[in-house]
């Protein structure tokens, strides 16, 4: 029977709980308060929407422009004249560029290091041709031509490597 005693904790729990009627009254009051707040919000939104519609009407009237037929024709004439002037200026500026591009289509573009190597190759071949002519004329003997061939070939390879190195360093462009 010691368990039949009511403790203070049990009393506190009972005081915190409401009877079903009290709970139903509290819930009903919360629903009434929520409905009142919702109806006030809807009324406020309706009044704001009416004001916004009035302002939108004023803006629509303010942005209307009444033009006479004569003014419209003048605006169209100015637009046509401006378009013609723009087309003429475009033609004057673009046609030379297009003509220049058309002329450049026939060119072959090569990188700068390849260009410099080709120049060195032409110089080496020219030097070799001069050496061959001198040997054929009889001033030098045959084994001297092989020595010149090695010197010219070595110079070509050396100058080609030097050209590529200088181009990669940014000293040639």
Foldseek 3Di string as FASTA:
>chain_A
DVVPDQDVVNVVVVVVDDDPVVVVVVVVVVVVVVVVVVVVVVVVVVVVVVVVVVVVVVVVVVPDDDDDPVVVVVVVVVVVVVVVVVVVVCCVPVVVVVVVVVVCVPDDDDDPLVVVLVVLVVVLVVQLVVVVVVVVVPPDDDVVSVVSVVVSVVVSVVVSVVSVVCVVVVNTD
